[in-house]
Amino acid sequence: MNNGLQKISLLILLILTFLNINYSSANEIEVAPLINLNKIAPSYDDLDEDLIGLDIPAEVGENKKFNDGNKNSAHIGVLDKITAEVSSIEILSGEEVLIHDLKIINKSCYISLPEEKPLVAVYLVVEDTKGGNNFFGWMVKGLPSVSSMEHPLYDIWVKDCA
């Protein structure tokens, strides 16, 4: 009987101690002053401005990488969804390549400066020779879901620009 009373009294003591700690810590919480959000200047450091609007220049400027003047090349990956065959192709700027049923034309490559956020993009024109889906626009390496080509048989993605 003595042992049972000791266990109960110990349990009651622990509960009271726990309640006392919670009560005392609740009294020590300080409330921070309210901040007027209208007085805070907006910060755009966390946003990828280049990626949100895809404001990539149509012409490749002087701050881009070049192999030989106008001959910058794009490295593209093509997936055949039926056979699961992955092809890797290199297309020079202004050149067109026929792979599977797709005619792919590289219009321009864009690579950001080293001091900027890394961005690799290629302006592609993709025509389905069987009269299916066509695509034209910028494909961004870091955001394949934003600038993807909708095609039932093929997936295309950017690997790199050189």
N, C-alpha and C. Protein backbone atom coordinates (compact mmCIF):
# COMPACT_ATOMS: atom_id res chain seq x y z
N MET A 1 0.81 -1.19 0.00
CA MET A 1 0.00 0.00 0.00
C MET A 1 0.86 1.25 0.00
N ASN A 2 1.94 1.17 0.72
CA ASN A 2 2.84 2.30 0.84
C ASN A 2 3.48 2.63 -0.51
N ASN A 3 3.81 1.57 -1.26
CA ASN A 3 4.44 1.75 -2.56
C ASN A 3 3.49 2.42 -3.54
N GLY A 4 2.20 2.08 -3.53
CA GLY A 4 1.19 2.69 -4.41
C GLY A 4 1.00 4.16 -4.09
N LEU A 5 1.00 4.53 -2.80
CA LEU A 5 0.85 5.93 -2.41
C LEU A 5 2.06 6.75 -2.85
N GLN A 6 3.22 6.15 -2.79
CA GLN A 6 4.43 6.85 -3.24
C GLN A 6 4.38 7.14 -4.74
N LYS A 7 3.90 6.17 -5.52
CA LYS A 7 3.80 6.35 -6.97
C LYS A 7 2.78 7.44 -7.30
N ILE A 8 1.65 7.45 -6.62
CA ILE A 8 0.62 8.46 -6.87
C ILE A 8 1.12 9.84 -6.47
N SER A 9 1.76 9.94 -5.31
CA SER A 9 2.26 11.25 -4.88
C SER A 9 3.36 11.74 -5.81
N LEU A 10 4.18 10.85 -6.31
CA LEU A 10 5.23 11.23 -7.26
C LEU A 10 4.60 11.71 -8.57
N LEU A 11 3.57 11.05 -9.03
CA LEU A 11 2.87 11.44 -10.24
C LEU A 11 2.21 12.80 -10.07
N ILE A 12 1.58 13.04 -8.95
CA ILE A 12 0.95 14.34 -8.68
C ILE A 12 2.01 15.43 -8.61
N LEU A 13 3.12 15.15 -8.00
CA LEU A 13 4.21 16.11 -7.90
C LEU A 13 4.76 16.47 -9.29
N LEU A 14 4.92 15.47 -10.17
CA LEU A 14 5.39 15.71 -11.53
C LEU A 14 4.39 16.56 -12.33
N ILE A 15 3.12 16.28 -12.18
CA ILE A 15 2.08 17.05 -12.90
C ILE A 15 2.09 18.49 -12.42
N LEU A 16 2.16 18.71 -11.12
CA LEU A 16 2.18 20.08 -10.60
C LEU A 16 3.44 20.81 -11.04
N THR A 17 4.57 20.12 -11.06
CA THR A 17 5.81 20.74 -11.53
C THR A 17 5.69 21.12 -13.01
N PHE A 18 5.13 20.24 -13.82
CA PHE A 18 4.96 20.51 -15.24
C PHE A 18 4.03 21.71 -15.46
N LEU A 19 2.93 21.75 -14.74
CA LEU A 19 2.00 22.88 -14.86
C LEU A 19 2.65 24.18 -14.41
N ASN A 20 3.46 24.14 -13.37
CA ASN A 20 4.14 25.33 -12.88
C ASN A 20 5.16 25.83 -13.90
N ILE A 21 5.88 24.92 -14.57
CA ILE A 21 6.86 25.32 -15.59
C ILE A 21 6.15 25.97 -16.77
N ASN A 22 5.06 25.37 -17.22
CA ASN A 22 4.31 25.93 -18.35
C ASN A 22 3.74 27.30 -18.01
N TYR A 23 3.25 27.46 -16.80
CA TYR A 23 2.67 28.74 -16.40
C TYR A 23 3.75 29.82 -16.32
N SER A 24 4.90 29.46 -15.75
CA SER A 24 5.96 30.47 -15.63
C SER A 24 6.56 30.81 -16.99
N SER A 25 6.68 29.85 -17.89
CA SER A 25 7.23 30.16 -19.21
C SER A 25 6.24 30.95 -20.04
N ALA A 26 4.94 30.77 -19.81
CA ALA A 26 3.94 31.55 -20.54
C ALA A 26 3.99 33.01 -20.13
N ASN A 27 4.38 33.30 -18.91
CA ASN A 27 4.46 34.68 -18.46
C ASN A 27 5.70 35.39 -19.01
N GLU A 28 6.70 34.63 -19.47
CA GLU A 28 7.93 35.23 -19.94
C GLU A 28 7.91 35.56 -21.44
N ILE A 29 6.87 35.23 -22.15
CA ILE A 29 6.80 35.49 -23.58
C ILE A 29 6.61 36.98 -23.80
N GLU A 30 7.48 37.53 -24.64
CA GLU A 30 7.37 38.95 -24.97
C GLU A 30 6.69 39.10 -26.31
N VAL A 31 5.90 40.11 -26.44
CA VAL A 31 5.20 40.39 -27.68
C VAL A 31 6.05 41.36 -28.49
N ALA A 32 6.31 40.99 -29.75
CA ALA A 32 7.09 41.86 -30.63
C ALA A 32 6.21 43.02 -31.09
N PRO A 33 6.82 44.16 -31.37
CA PRO A 33 6.03 45.29 -31.84
C PRO A 33 5.44 45.00 -33.23
N LEU A 34 4.29 45.58 -33.49
CA LEU A 34 3.66 45.39 -34.79
C LEU A 34 4.42 46.16 -35.86
N ILE A 35 4.48 45.59 -37.04
CA ILE A 35 5.19 46.21 -38.15
C ILE A 35 4.17 46.69 -39.16
N ASN A 36 4.34 47.93 -39.60
CA ASN A 36 3.48 48.46 -40.64
C ASN A 36 4.04 48.01 -41.99
N LEU A 37 3.35 47.10 -42.66
CA LEU A 37 3.85 46.54 -43.91
C LEU A 37 3.86 47.55 -45.05
N ASN A 38 3.10 48.61 -44.93
CA ASN A 38 3.09 49.63 -45.98
C ASN A 38 4.38 50.44 -46.00
N LYS A 39 5.12 50.43 -44.90
CA LYS A 39 6.36 51.21 -44.82
C LYS A 39 7.59 50.41 -45.25
N ILE A 40 7.43 49.12 -45.50
CA ILE A 40 8.56 48.28 -45.86
C ILE A 40 8.71 48.28 -47.38
N ALA A 41 9.93 48.53 -47.84
CA ALA A 41 10.20 48.52 -49.28
C ALA A 41 10.23 47.07 -49.76
N PRO A 42 9.71 46.81 -50.96
CA PRO A 42 9.72 45.42 -51.45
C PRO A 42 11.13 44.95 -51.75
N SER A 43 11.37 43.68 -51.53
CA SER A 43 12.66 43.07 -51.81
C SER A 43 12.48 42.03 -52.89
N TYR A 44 13.25 42.16 -53.95
CA TYR A 44 13.14 41.23 -55.07
C TYR A 44 14.34 40.30 -55.13
N ASP A 45 15.06 40.18 -54.04
CA ASP A 45 16.25 39.33 -54.05
C ASP A 45 15.91 37.86 -54.22
N ASP A 46 14.78 37.42 -53.69
CA ASP A 46 14.44 36.01 -53.73
C ASP A 46 13.75 35.60 -55.02
N LEU A 47 13.30 36.56 -55.81
CA LEU A 47 12.57 36.23 -57.03
C LEU A 47 13.53 36.06 -58.20
N ASP A 48 13.22 35.14 -59.07
CA ASP A 48 13.97 34.96 -60.31
C ASP A 48 13.26 35.76 -61.39
N GLU A 49 13.61 37.03 -61.50
CA GLU A 49 12.93 37.90 -62.45
C GLU A 49 13.11 37.41 -63.88
N ASP A 50 14.28 36.89 -64.22
CA ASP A 50 14.50 36.40 -65.57
C ASP A 50 13.62 35.20 -65.86
N LEU A 51 13.35 34.39 -64.85
CA LEU A 51 12.60 33.17 -65.08
C LEU A 51 11.10 33.39 -65.04
N ILE A 52 10.63 34.36 -64.27
CA ILE A 52 9.20 34.56 -64.13
C ILE A 52 8.58 35.02 -65.43
N GLY A 53 9.12 36.08 -66.00
CA GLY A 53 8.55 36.58 -67.25
C GLY A 53 9.25 36.07 -68.48
N LEU A 54 10.32 35.28 -68.29
CA LEU A 54 11.14 34.82 -69.39
C LEU A 54 11.52 35.97 -70.29
N ASP A 55 12.03 37.05 -69.69
CA ASP A 55 12.45 38.24 -70.41
C ASP A 55 13.85 38.04 -70.97
N ILE A 56 13.98 37.11 -71.86
CA ILE A 56 15.26 36.82 -72.46
C ILE A 56 15.29 37.53 -73.80
N PRO A 57 16.36 38.24 -74.11
CA PRO A 57 16.39 38.98 -75.36
C PRO A 57 16.30 38.06 -76.57
N ALA A 58 15.64 38.52 -77.64
CA ALA A 58 15.50 37.72 -78.84
C ALA A 58 16.84 37.53 -79.54
N GLU A 59 17.68 38.54 -79.49
CA GLU A 59 19.01 38.43 -80.08
C GLU A 59 20.01 38.09 -78.99
N VAL A 60 20.99 37.34 -79.35
CA VAL A 60 22.04 37.00 -78.39
C VAL A 60 22.96 38.20 -78.30
N GLY A 61 23.13 38.76 -77.11
CA GLY A 61 23.89 39.98 -76.93
C GLY A 61 25.38 39.74 -76.77
N GLU A 62 26.09 40.80 -76.42
CA GLU A 62 27.54 40.72 -76.32
C GLU A 62 28.00 40.00 -75.06
N ASN A 63 27.10 39.78 -74.10
CA ASN A 63 27.51 39.14 -72.86
C ASN A 63 27.22 37.64 -72.86
N LYS A 64 27.03 37.05 -74.00
CA LYS A 64 26.73 35.63 -74.09
C LYS A 64 27.95 34.88 -74.60
N LYS A 65 27.97 33.57 -74.34
CA LYS A 65 29.08 32.76 -74.80
C LYS A 65 28.94 32.51 -76.30
N PHE A 66 30.07 32.49 -76.99
CA PHE A 66 30.07 32.19 -78.41
C PHE A 66 31.16 31.16 -78.69
N ASN A 67 30.88 30.27 -79.61
CA ASN A 67 31.94 29.39 -80.11
C ASN A 67 32.70 30.10 -81.21
N ASP A 68 31.95 30.56 -82.21
CA ASP A 68 32.56 31.19 -83.37
C ASP A 68 31.57 32.20 -83.92
N GLY A 69 31.51 33.36 -83.33
CA GLY A 69 30.58 34.39 -83.82
C GLY A 69 29.15 33.95 -83.64
N ASN A 70 28.49 33.63 -84.73
CA ASN A 70 27.06 33.29 -84.72
C ASN A 70 26.82 31.80 -84.57
N LYS A 71 27.85 31.00 -84.39
CA LYS A 71 27.70 29.56 -84.38
C LYS A 71 27.63 28.99 -82.98
N ASN A 72 26.81 29.55 -82.11
CA ASN A 72 26.65 28.93 -80.79
C ASN A 72 25.70 27.75 -80.94
N SER A 73 25.94 26.71 -80.17
CA SER A 73 25.18 25.48 -80.34
C SER A 73 24.39 25.16 -79.08
N ALA A 74 23.30 24.45 -79.29
CA ALA A 74 22.44 24.01 -78.20
C ALA A 74 22.52 22.50 -78.10
N HIS A 75 22.63 22.01 -76.89
CA HIS A 75 22.60 20.57 -76.64
C HIS A 75 21.20 20.25 -76.14
N ILE A 76 20.50 19.40 -76.87
CA ILE A 76 19.09 19.10 -76.62
C ILE A 76 18.95 17.60 -76.36
N GLY A 77 18.06 17.26 -75.45
CA GLY A 77 17.71 15.87 -75.21
C GLY A 77 16.32 15.60 -75.76
N VAL A 78 16.15 14.45 -76.43
CA VAL A 78 14.85 14.07 -77.00
C VAL A 78 14.51 12.68 -76.50
N LEU A 79 13.31 12.52 -75.95
CA LEU A 79 12.84 11.24 -75.45
C LEU A 79 11.69 10.76 -76.33
N ASP A 80 11.83 9.55 -76.87
CA ASP A 80 10.73 8.89 -77.56
C ASP A 80 9.93 8.15 -76.50
N LYS A 81 8.71 8.58 -76.24
CA LYS A 81 7.92 8.02 -75.14
C LYS A 81 7.48 6.59 -75.41
N ILE A 82 7.42 6.19 -76.67
CA ILE A 82 6.99 4.83 -77.00
C ILE A 82 8.11 3.82 -76.74
N THR A 83 9.31 4.11 -77.25
CA THR A 83 10.42 3.16 -77.13
C THR A 83 11.32 3.47 -75.95
N ALA A 84 11.12 4.60 -75.28
CA ALA A 84 11.95 5.06 -74.16
C ALA A 84 13.39 5.30 -74.60
N GLU A 85 13.58 5.60 -75.87
CA GLU A 85 14.91 5.91 -76.41
C GLU A 85 15.21 7.39 -76.18
N VAL A 86 16.36 7.66 -75.57
CA VAL A 86 16.79 9.03 -75.32
C VAL A 86 17.91 9.37 -76.30
N SER A 87 17.71 10.46 -77.05
CA SER A 87 18.72 10.92 -78.00
C SER A 87 19.27 12.25 -77.52
N SER A 88 20.55 12.44 -77.71
CA SER A 88 21.19 13.70 -77.37
C SER A 88 21.71 14.30 -78.67
N ILE A 89 21.29 15.52 -79.00
CA ILE A 89 21.70 16.14 -80.25
C ILE A 89 22.28 17.52 -79.97
N GLU A 90 23.13 17.95 -80.88
CA GLU A 90 23.70 19.29 -80.83
C GLU A 90 23.27 20.02 -82.10
N ILE A 91 22.69 21.21 -81.91
CA ILE A 91 22.19 21.99 -83.04
C ILE A 91 22.86 23.35 -83.02
N LEU A 92 23.53 23.70 -84.11
CA LEU A 92 24.12 25.02 -84.23
C LEU A 92 23.01 26.06 -84.41
N SER A 93 23.31 27.30 -84.06
CA SER A 93 22.33 28.37 -84.18
C SER A 93 21.96 28.57 -85.65
N GLY A 94 20.66 28.59 -85.93
CA GLY A 94 20.16 28.75 -87.29
C GLY A 94 20.07 27.45 -88.06
N GLU A 95 20.55 26.36 -87.49
CA GLU A 95 20.53 25.07 -88.17
C GLU A 95 19.26 24.32 -87.80
N GLU A 96 18.84 23.42 -88.69
CA GLU A 96 17.70 22.57 -88.37
C GLU A 96 18.14 21.11 -88.43
N VAL A 97 17.54 20.31 -87.56
CA VAL A 97 17.87 18.89 -87.45
C VAL A 97 16.57 18.11 -87.51
N LEU A 98 16.57 17.01 -88.24
CA LEU A 98 15.41 16.12 -88.31
C LEU A 98 15.72 14.90 -87.47
N ILE A 99 14.95 14.69 -86.42
CA ILE A 99 15.11 13.52 -85.55
C ILE A 99 13.73 12.94 -85.29
N HIS A 100 13.60 11.64 -85.51
CA HIS A 100 12.32 10.94 -85.45
C HIS A 100 11.35 11.65 -86.41
N ASP A 101 10.26 12.16 -85.94
CA ASP A 101 9.30 12.88 -86.79
C ASP A 101 9.34 14.38 -86.52
N LEU A 102 10.39 14.85 -85.89
CA LEU A 102 10.45 16.25 -85.49
C LEU A 102 11.54 16.99 -86.26
N LYS A 103 11.21 18.19 -86.72
CA LYS A 103 12.20 19.09 -87.29
C LYS A 103 12.44 20.17 -86.25
N ILE A 104 13.67 20.22 -85.72
CA ILE A 104 14.02 21.14 -84.63
C ILE A 104 14.97 22.19 -85.18
N ILE A 105 14.63 23.46 -84.97
CA ILE A 105 15.45 24.58 -85.42
C ILE A 105 15.89 25.37 -84.21
N ASN A 106 17.19 25.61 -84.08
CA ASN A 106 17.74 26.41 -83.00
C ASN A 106 17.84 27.85 -83.50
N LYS A 107 17.04 28.73 -82.94
CA LYS A 107 17.08 30.14 -83.34
C LYS A 107 18.13 30.93 -82.55
N SER A 108 18.28 30.63 -81.26
CA SER A 108 19.21 31.39 -80.44
C SER A 108 19.47 30.66 -79.12
N CYS A 109 20.65 30.93 -78.56
CA CYS A 109 21.00 30.41 -77.23
C CYS A 109 21.24 31.59 -76.30
N TYR A 110 20.94 31.41 -75.05
CA TYR A 110 21.17 32.44 -74.04
C TYR A 110 21.82 31.80 -72.83
N ILE A 111 22.95 32.38 -72.41
CA ILE A 111 23.62 31.96 -71.19
C ILE A 111 23.88 33.22 -70.38
N SER A 112 23.49 33.21 -69.13
CA SER A 112 23.67 34.39 -68.28
C SER A 112 25.15 34.58 -67.95
N LEU A 113 25.46 35.79 -67.52
CA LEU A 113 26.82 36.10 -67.10
C LEU A 113 27.16 35.34 -65.83
N PRO A 114 28.44 35.11 -65.55
CA PRO A 114 28.82 34.36 -64.35
C PRO A 114 28.37 35.03 -63.05
N GLU A 115 28.31 36.37 -63.02
CA GLU A 115 27.90 37.04 -61.78
C GLU A 115 26.38 37.08 -61.61
N GLU A 116 25.62 36.69 -62.63
CA GLU A 116 24.16 36.63 -62.54
C GLU A 116 23.74 35.24 -62.08
N LYS A 117 22.45 35.11 -61.81
CA LYS A 117 21.93 33.78 -61.50
C LYS A 117 22.07 32.91 -62.74
N PRO A 118 22.46 31.65 -62.56
CA PRO A 118 22.68 30.79 -63.73
C PRO A 118 21.38 30.57 -64.51
N LEU A 119 21.45 30.84 -65.80
CA LEU A 119 20.29 30.66 -66.66
C LEU A 119 20.78 30.22 -68.03
N VAL A 120 20.27 29.11 -68.50
CA VAL A 120 20.56 28.62 -69.84
C VAL A 120 19.22 28.43 -70.52
N ALA A 121 19.06 29.06 -71.70
CA ALA A 121 17.81 28.97 -72.43
C ALA A 121 18.10 28.88 -73.92
N VAL A 122 17.23 28.22 -74.63
CA VAL A 122 17.36 28.06 -76.08
C VAL A 122 16.01 28.39 -76.71
N TYR A 123 16.04 29.23 -77.77
CA TYR A 123 14.82 29.52 -78.52
C TYR A 123 14.72 28.47 -79.62
N LEU A 124 13.71 27.61 -79.51
CA LEU A 124 13.54 26.51 -80.44
C LEU A 124 12.25 26.64 -81.23
N VAL A 125 12.30 26.16 -82.47
CA VAL A 125 11.11 25.97 -83.28
C VAL A 125 11.06 24.47 -83.58
N VAL A 126 9.99 23.82 -83.13
CA VAL A 126 9.85 22.38 -83.32
C VAL A 126 8.59 22.14 -84.14
N GLU A 127 8.76 21.48 -85.28
CA GLU A 127 7.63 21.16 -86.15
C GLU A 127 7.51 19.65 -86.26
N ASP A 128 6.30 19.16 -86.11
CA ASP A 128 6.03 17.73 -86.28
C ASP A 128 5.78 17.51 -87.78
N THR A 129 6.58 16.65 -88.41
CA THR A 129 6.46 16.43 -89.85
C THR A 129 5.19 15.68 -90.21
N LYS A 130 4.56 15.03 -89.26
CA LYS A 130 3.31 14.32 -89.52
C LYS A 130 2.10 15.20 -89.25
N GLY A 131 2.32 16.50 -89.08
CA GLY A 131 1.21 17.43 -88.92
C GLY A 131 0.65 17.51 -87.51
N GLY A 132 1.40 17.09 -86.54
CA GLY A 132 0.93 17.12 -85.16
C GLY A 132 1.18 18.46 -84.50
N ASN A 133 1.63 18.40 -83.26
CA ASN A 133 1.87 19.60 -82.47
C ASN A 133 3.13 20.33 -82.92
N ASN A 134 3.07 21.66 -82.91
CA ASN A 134 4.22 22.51 -83.17
C ASN A 134 4.53 23.31 -81.91
N PHE A 135 5.81 23.65 -81.76
CA PHE A 135 6.24 24.44 -80.61
C PHE A 135 7.22 25.48 -81.09
N PHE A 136 7.12 26.70 -80.56
CA PHE A 136 8.15 27.70 -80.76
C PHE A 136 8.21 28.55 -79.52
N GLY A 137 9.41 28.81 -79.06
CA GLY A 137 9.59 29.62 -77.86
C GLY A 137 10.85 29.23 -77.12
N TRP A 138 11.06 29.91 -75.99
CA TRP A 138 12.24 29.68 -75.16
C TRP A 138 12.03 28.44 -74.31
N MET A 139 13.03 27.58 -74.28
CA MET A 139 13.07 26.46 -73.34
C MET A 139 14.19 26.76 -72.36
N VAL A 140 13.84 26.74 -71.08
CA VAL A 140 14.79 27.07 -70.02
C VAL A 140 15.26 25.78 -69.37
N LYS A 141 16.57 25.64 -69.24
CA LYS A 141 17.13 24.41 -68.68
C LYS A 141 16.66 24.17 -67.25
N GLY A 142 16.66 25.20 -66.42
CA GLY A 142 16.31 25.04 -65.01
C GLY A 142 14.82 24.88 -64.74
N LEU A 143 13.98 25.20 -65.72
CA LEU A 143 12.53 25.11 -65.55
C LEU A 143 11.89 24.36 -66.71
N PRO A 144 12.10 23.07 -66.81
CA PRO A 144 11.54 22.34 -67.94
C PRO A 144 10.01 22.28 -67.94
N SER A 145 9.39 22.37 -66.78
CA SER A 145 7.93 22.29 -66.73
C SER A 145 7.27 23.60 -67.16
N VAL A 146 7.97 24.72 -67.01
CA VAL A 146 7.40 26.01 -67.39
C VAL A 146 7.42 26.19 -68.90
N SER A 147 8.47 25.75 -69.54
CA SER A 147 8.64 25.98 -70.97
C SER A 147 8.75 24.65 -71.71
N SER A 148 7.79 23.78 -71.51
CA SER A 148 7.87 22.46 -72.10
C SER A 148 7.02 22.37 -73.37
N MET A 149 7.37 21.41 -74.20
CA MET A 149 6.62 21.15 -75.41
C MET A 149 5.62 20.04 -75.12
N GLU A 150 4.37 20.30 -75.45
CA GLU A 150 3.32 19.30 -75.25
C GLU A 150 3.23 18.44 -76.52
N HIS A 151 3.67 17.19 -76.43
CA HIS A 151 3.61 16.30 -77.58
C HIS A 151 3.31 14.89 -77.06
N PRO A 152 2.42 14.15 -77.72
CA PRO A 152 2.07 12.83 -77.21
C PRO A 152 3.18 11.78 -77.35
N LEU A 153 4.12 11.97 -78.29
CA LEU A 153 5.13 10.95 -78.52
C LEU A 153 6.54 11.33 -78.07
N TYR A 154 6.84 12.63 -77.95
CA TYR A 154 8.21 13.05 -77.69
C TYR A 154 8.27 14.10 -76.58
N ASP A 155 9.36 14.06 -75.83
CA ASP A 155 9.72 15.10 -74.87
C ASP A 155 11.05 15.70 -75.33
N ILE A 156 11.16 17.02 -75.20
CA ILE A 156 12.40 17.71 -75.55
C ILE A 156 12.79 18.56 -74.37
N TRP A 157 14.08 18.59 -74.04
CA TRP A 157 14.57 19.44 -72.96
C TRP A 157 15.95 19.96 -73.32
N VAL A 158 16.32 21.07 -72.69
CA VAL A 158 17.61 21.71 -72.93
C VAL A 158 18.64 21.14 -71.97
N LYS A 159 19.77 20.76 -72.51
CA LYS A 159 20.88 20.29 -71.67
C LYS A 159 21.89 21.40 -71.42
N ASP A 160 22.27 22.12 -72.50
CA ASP A 160 23.28 23.17 -72.34
C ASP A 160 23.39 23.97 -73.63
N CYS A 161 24.05 25.10 -73.53
CA CYS A 161 24.45 25.92 -74.68
C CYS A 161 25.97 26.01 -74.65
N ALA A 162 26.56 26.03 -75.81
CA ALA A 162 28.02 26.15 -75.88
C ALA A 162 28.41 27.19 -76.91
